Amino acid sequence: MAERVAQIVSHITYPKGLLVGQTAIITGSGQGIGAEAARLFAREGAKVVVCDVDSAKAQSVADKITSFGGQAIAVAGDITDKDYIDQLVKRAAEFGGGEIHIIVNNAGYTWDGVVHKMTDKQWAAMSSIHGTAPFQLIRAAAPYFRVKDGKQRNIVGISSTSGVHGNAGQSNYAFFKAGVVGLMKTIAKEWGPGFNVRANTVAFGYIETRLTKAKEDGAFITGPDGEKIQLGVPGRGGKSSFEDIPLRRPGS
């Protein structure tokens, strides 16, 4: 029993500096989950490449990191643009002294609709941001991960409980978030044994971000062709919205 307690305590009280010497690309890190991940990684010693389509938000996160003594740069751009992905990998490698150790594919948004009303444009948008973009970033960074130098490298795919269990009104989002799981398992099998690369998926549930606030709040995002896409979930915010969550509240 004492041995087990000691083991648990060691995991809870691990020493700071877990990511010292590592360079991390975190997409969609100008706000929300991505921004918190960027700050946490930096506090653990990582050099963080803050990526977001909103240049002001990306720079703000990078500035906050450097203000507490962390290391970060902002590389703003559209993650669905292959040219941007190539530039992102180049900048990250330069920042990391020729090495990249971590990718967190977090960027994304939702564009909901029931199956019989789902448009091809809605489907294609989710394919681009949640399917193609993560794949292209991993492929572009492959030379920095398929390295036999004894160092551990990590790729994290951000999925969702929608991708694991499905969710009414999110057939497009659920489909490609399920694909994230398959992609990570495949990367683990291809690059794990020979190159010491770990690939894992984090499937978040209800986390309080702009994507999960009440749709009535009126948050929008601008789509690839300039179209305004309304974000949020209809009727969210009341206590009944959280009855399926043990703590009866969203994560934050």
Protein backbone atom coordinates (compact mmCIF):
# COMPACT_ATOMS: atom_id res chain seq x y z
CA MET A 1 0.00 0.00 0.00
CA ALA A 2 2.77 2.43 0.96
CA GLU A 3 4.54 1.73 -2.30
CA ARG A 4 1.38 2.49 -4.28
CA VAL A 5 0.81 5.74 -2.38
CA ALA A 6 4.39 6.79 -3.09
CA GLN A 7 3.87 6.06 -6.77
CA ILE A 8 0.72 8.20 -6.89
CA VAL A 9 2.41 11.05 -5.03
CA SER A 10 5.34 10.98 -7.45
CA HIS A 11 2.93 11.51 -10.35
CA ILE A 12 1.11 14.35 -8.61
CA THR A 13 4.26 16.16 -7.46
CA TYR A 14 6.50 15.69 -10.49
CA PRO A 15 9.34 18.22 -10.72
CA LYS A 16 8.83 21.34 -12.81
CA GLY A 17 10.65 21.63 -16.10
CA LEU A 18 9.10 18.56 -17.70
CA LEU A 19 9.50 20.02 -21.20
CA VAL A 20 12.84 21.81 -20.91
CA GLY A 21 14.75 21.64 -24.18
CA GLN A 22 11.69 20.82 -26.27
CA THR A 23 10.00 22.85 -28.99
CA ALA A 24 6.22 22.62 -29.34
CA ILE A 25 3.87 23.70 -32.11
CA ILE A 26 0.34 24.28 -30.79
CA THR A 27 -2.24 25.17 -33.41
CA GLY A 28 -5.27 27.26 -32.53
CA SER A 29 -3.45 28.58 -29.48
CA GLY A 30 -4.58 32.19 -29.63
CA GLN A 31 -7.41 31.48 -27.19
CA GLY A 32 -9.30 28.78 -25.32
CA ILE A 33 -7.80 25.33 -24.79
CA GLY A 34 -4.88 26.05 -27.11
CA ALA A 35 -3.84 29.19 -25.24
CA GLU A 36 -3.96 27.39 -21.89
CA ALA A 37 -1.88 24.55 -23.34
CA ALA A 38 0.66 27.06 -24.65
CA ARG A 39 1.03 28.70 -21.24
CA LEU A 40 1.29 25.36 -19.45
CA PHE A 41 3.89 24.02 -21.87
CA ALA A 42 5.93 27.20 -21.52
CA ARG A 43 5.82 27.01 -17.71
CA GLU A 44 7.23 23.51 -18.04
CA GLY A 45 10.16 24.87 -20.04
CA ALA A 46 9.11 24.29 -23.64
CA LYS A 47 9.77 26.72 -26.46
CA VAL A 48 6.24 27.31 -27.72
CA VAL A 49 5.21 28.23 -31.24
CA VAL A 50 1.83 29.94 -30.88
CA CYS A 51 -0.25 29.43 -34.02
CA ASP A 52 -3.57 31.09 -34.74
CA VAL A 53 -5.41 32.64 -37.65
CA ASP A 54 -5.85 35.76 -35.49
CA SER A 55 -2.44 37.41 -35.41
CA ALA A 56 -3.29 39.76 -32.53
CA LYS A 57 -4.44 36.92 -30.29
CA ALA A 58 -1.44 34.77 -31.18
CA GLN A 59 0.95 37.60 -30.37
CA SER A 60 -0.87 38.34 -27.11
CA VAL A 61 -0.42 34.75 -25.91
CA ALA A 62 3.25 34.77 -26.93
CA ASP A 63 3.79 38.08 -25.12
CA LYS A 64 2.18 36.76 -21.93
CA ILE A 65 4.47 33.74 -22.03
CA THR A 66 7.61 35.84 -22.45
CA SER A 67 6.40 38.18 -19.68
CA PHE A 68 6.75 35.40 -17.10
CA GLY A 69 10.12 34.30 -18.45
CA GLY A 70 8.95 31.67 -20.91
CA GLN A 71 10.00 31.28 -24.52
CA ALA A 72 7.47 31.71 -27.32
CA ILE A 73 6.97 33.11 -30.79
CA ALA A 74 3.75 33.81 -32.65
CA VAL A 75 3.37 32.48 -36.19
CA ALA A 76 -0.04 33.57 -37.39
CA GLY A 77 -1.82 32.14 -40.40
CA ASP A 78 -4.50 29.86 -41.77
CA ILE A 79 -3.74 26.25 -40.84
CA THR A 80 -5.79 25.06 -43.83
CA ASP A 81 -3.27 26.78 -46.14
CA LYS A 82 -0.48 24.37 -47.08
CA ASP A 83 1.98 27.20 -47.75
CA TYR A 84 1.40 28.47 -44.22
CA ILE A 85 1.99 24.98 -42.82
CA ASP A 86 5.35 24.77 -44.61
CA GLN A 87 6.32 28.20 -43.27
CA LEU A 88 5.15 27.25 -39.77
CA VAL A 89 7.34 24.15 -39.68
CA LYS A 90 10.32 26.15 -40.99
CA ARG A 91 9.89 28.86 -38.33
CA ALA A 92 9.40 26.29 -35.57
CA ALA A 93 12.55 24.41 -36.54
CA GLU A 94 14.56 27.64 -36.57
CA PHE A 95 13.18 28.58 -33.15
CA GLY A 96 14.01 25.12 -31.84
CA GLY A 97 17.60 25.10 -33.04
CA GLY A 98 16.84 22.64 -35.81
CA GLU A 99 14.51 20.43 -33.78
CA ILE A 100 10.76 20.06 -33.21
CA HIS A 101 9.59 17.72 -30.45
CA ILE A 102 5.85 18.27 -29.98
CA ILE A 103 2.83 18.99 -32.16
CA VAL A 104 -0.60 19.66 -30.69
CA ASN A 105 -3.23 19.75 -33.42
CA ASN A 106 -5.82 21.85 -31.62
CA ALA A 107 -7.11 24.34 -34.21
CA GLY A 108 -10.73 24.00 -35.19
CA TYR A 109 -14.30 25.17 -35.02
CA THR A 110 -17.79 23.76 -35.50
CA TRP A 111 -20.35 24.32 -38.22
CA ASP A 112 -23.39 22.39 -37.11
CA GLY A 113 -26.42 21.06 -38.94
CA VAL A 114 -28.60 17.96 -38.89
CA VAL A 115 -27.73 15.30 -41.46
CA HIS A 116 -30.55 15.98 -43.93
CA LYS A 117 -29.74 19.71 -43.98
CA MET A 118 -25.95 19.46 -43.91
CA THR A 119 -24.42 21.22 -46.93
CA ASP A 120 -21.36 20.13 -48.87
CA LYS A 121 -19.70 23.39 -47.82
CA GLN A 122 -20.22 22.59 -44.13
CA TRP A 123 -18.84 19.08 -44.61
CA ALA A 124 -15.82 20.27 -46.60
CA ALA A 125 -14.98 22.95 -44.03
CA MET A 126 -14.79 20.39 -41.21
CA SER A 127 -12.78 18.05 -43.43
CA SER A 128 -10.27 20.80 -44.12
CA ILE A 129 -9.73 22.03 -40.56
CA HIS A 130 -10.10 18.79 -38.58
CA GLY A 131 -8.87 16.23 -41.11
CA THR A 132 -6.58 17.57 -43.82
CA ALA A 133 -4.80 20.29 -41.81
CA PRO A 134 -3.57 18.01 -38.98
CA PHE A 135 -2.43 15.44 -41.53
CA GLN A 136 -0.55 18.01 -43.61
CA LEU A 137 1.17 19.49 -40.57
CA ILE A 138 2.33 16.09 -39.37
CA ARG A 139 3.54 15.20 -42.86
CA ALA A 140 5.40 18.50 -43.23
CA ALA A 141 7.09 18.01 -39.84
CA ALA A 142 7.96 14.36 -40.52
CA PRO A 143 11.70 15.02 -41.06
CA TYR A 144 11.88 16.37 -37.50
CA PHE A 145 10.05 13.40 -35.99
CA ARG A 146 11.46 10.49 -37.96
CA VAL A 147 14.81 10.94 -36.24
CA LYS A 148 16.79 8.23 -34.49
CA ASP A 149 18.52 10.32 -31.84
CA GLY A 150 17.09 8.64 -28.74
CA LYS A 151 14.86 11.61 -27.92
CA GLN A 152 11.14 11.27 -27.18
CA ARG A 153 8.78 13.15 -29.48
CA ASN A 154 5.04 13.59 -29.12
CA ILE A 155 2.07 14.32 -31.33
CA VAL A 156 -1.26 15.12 -29.70
CA GLY A 157 -4.51 15.11 -31.63
CA ILE A 158 -7.41 17.00 -30.10
CA SER A 159 -10.63 15.09 -30.62
CA SER A 160 -13.98 15.36 -28.85
CA THR A 161 -16.58 13.23 -27.19
CA SER A 162 -18.58 13.98 -30.34
CA GLY A 163 -16.00 11.95 -32.24
CA VAL A 164 -16.18 9.09 -29.75
CA HIS A 165 -19.93 8.93 -29.10
CA GLY A 166 -21.44 11.03 -31.89
CA ASN A 167 -23.58 14.10 -31.30
CA ALA A 168 -26.86 15.16 -32.87
CA GLY A 169 -26.34 18.06 -35.24
CA GLN A 170 -22.62 17.43 -35.62
CA SER A 171 -22.25 14.65 -38.19
CA ASN A 172 -19.44 16.52 -39.96
CA TYR A 173 -17.55 17.46 -36.79
CA ALA A 174 -18.06 14.01 -35.25
CA PHE A 175 -16.85 12.23 -38.39
CA PHE A 176 -13.54 14.06 -38.60
CA LYS A 177 -12.94 14.09 -34.85
CA ALA A 178 -13.32 10.30 -34.95
CA GLY A 179 -10.75 10.36 -37.75
CA VAL A 180 -8.28 12.09 -35.43
CA VAL A 181 -8.31 8.99 -33.23
CA GLY A 182 -7.52 6.74 -36.17
CA LEU A 183 -4.76 9.03 -37.42
CA MET A 184 -3.03 9.12 -34.04
CA LYS A 185 -3.19 5.35 -33.66
CA THR A 186 -1.70 4.95 -37.11
CA ILE A 187 1.13 7.42 -36.43
CA ALA A 188 1.90 5.56 -33.20
CA LYS A 189 2.25 2.30 -35.11
CA GLU A 190 4.30 3.78 -37.95
CA TRP A 191 6.65 6.06 -36.00
CA GLY A 192 6.57 4.64 -32.48
CA PRO A 193 8.77 1.56 -32.70
CA GLY A 194 11.51 3.00 -34.90
CA PHE A 195 11.57 6.68 -33.96
CA ASN A 196 10.33 6.86 -30.36
CA VAL A 197 7.33 9.00 -31.31
CA ARG A 198 4.24 8.87 -29.11
CA ALA A 199 0.93 9.82 -30.71
CA ASN A 200 -2.11 10.27 -28.50
CA THR A 201 -5.61 11.70 -28.67
CA VAL A 202 -7.36 13.85 -26.09
CA ALA A 203 -11.14 13.78 -26.49
CA PHE A 204 -12.53 16.72 -24.56
CA GLY A 205 -16.08 16.81 -23.30
CA TYR A 206 -17.96 19.99 -22.49
CA ILE A 207 -15.31 22.66 -21.97
CA GLU A 208 -16.35 26.29 -21.64
CA THR A 209 -15.02 27.98 -24.78
CA ARG A 210 -16.55 30.11 -27.52
CA LEU A 211 -17.55 26.90 -29.33
CA THR A 212 -19.74 25.70 -26.46
CA LYS A 213 -21.31 28.90 -25.20
CA ALA A 214 -24.98 29.52 -25.84
CA LYS A 215 -25.61 30.14 -29.53
CA GLU A 216 -27.80 33.02 -28.48
CA ASP A 217 -24.65 34.86 -27.32
CA GLY A 218 -24.01 35.61 -30.98
CA ALA A 219 -20.37 34.51 -31.44
CA PHE A 220 -19.23 34.15 -35.05
CA ILE A 221 -16.18 32.97 -36.96
CA THR A 222 -15.31 33.88 -40.53
CA GLY A 223 -15.17 30.82 -42.78
CA PRO A 224 -12.66 30.09 -45.57
CA ASP A 225 -14.62 32.08 -48.16
CA GLY A 226 -15.49 34.98 -45.88
CA GLU A 227 -18.86 33.63 -44.81
CA LYS A 228 -19.85 34.28 -41.19
CA ILE A 229 -20.45 31.05 -39.25
CA GLN A 230 -22.40 31.22 -36.00
CA LEU A 231 -20.78 29.40 -33.09
CA GLY A 232 -22.25 27.94 -29.94
CA VAL A 233 -24.93 25.49 -28.87
CA PRO A 234 -28.65 26.38 -28.90
CA GLY A 235 -30.12 26.70 -25.41
CA ARG A 236 -26.86 26.09 -23.57
CA GLY A 237 -26.35 27.79 -20.25
CA GLY A 238 -29.23 26.48 -18.15
CA LYS A 239 -28.67 23.89 -15.44
CA SER A 240 -30.44 21.27 -17.56
CA SER A 241 -27.61 21.59 -20.09
CA PHE A 242 -25.20 19.91 -17.69
CA GLU A 243 -27.26 17.03 -16.30
CA ASP A 244 -25.06 14.47 -18.04
CA ILE A 245 -21.94 15.89 -16.35
CA PRO A 246 -21.25 14.51 -12.83
CA LEU A 247 -20.16 17.91 -11.47
CA ARG A 248 -23.15 19.59 -13.15
CA ARG A 249 -20.97 22.23 -14.76
CA PRO A 250 -18.72 22.56 -17.81
CA GLY A 251 -14.96 22.27 -17.63
CA SER A 252 -12.97 25.48 -17.59
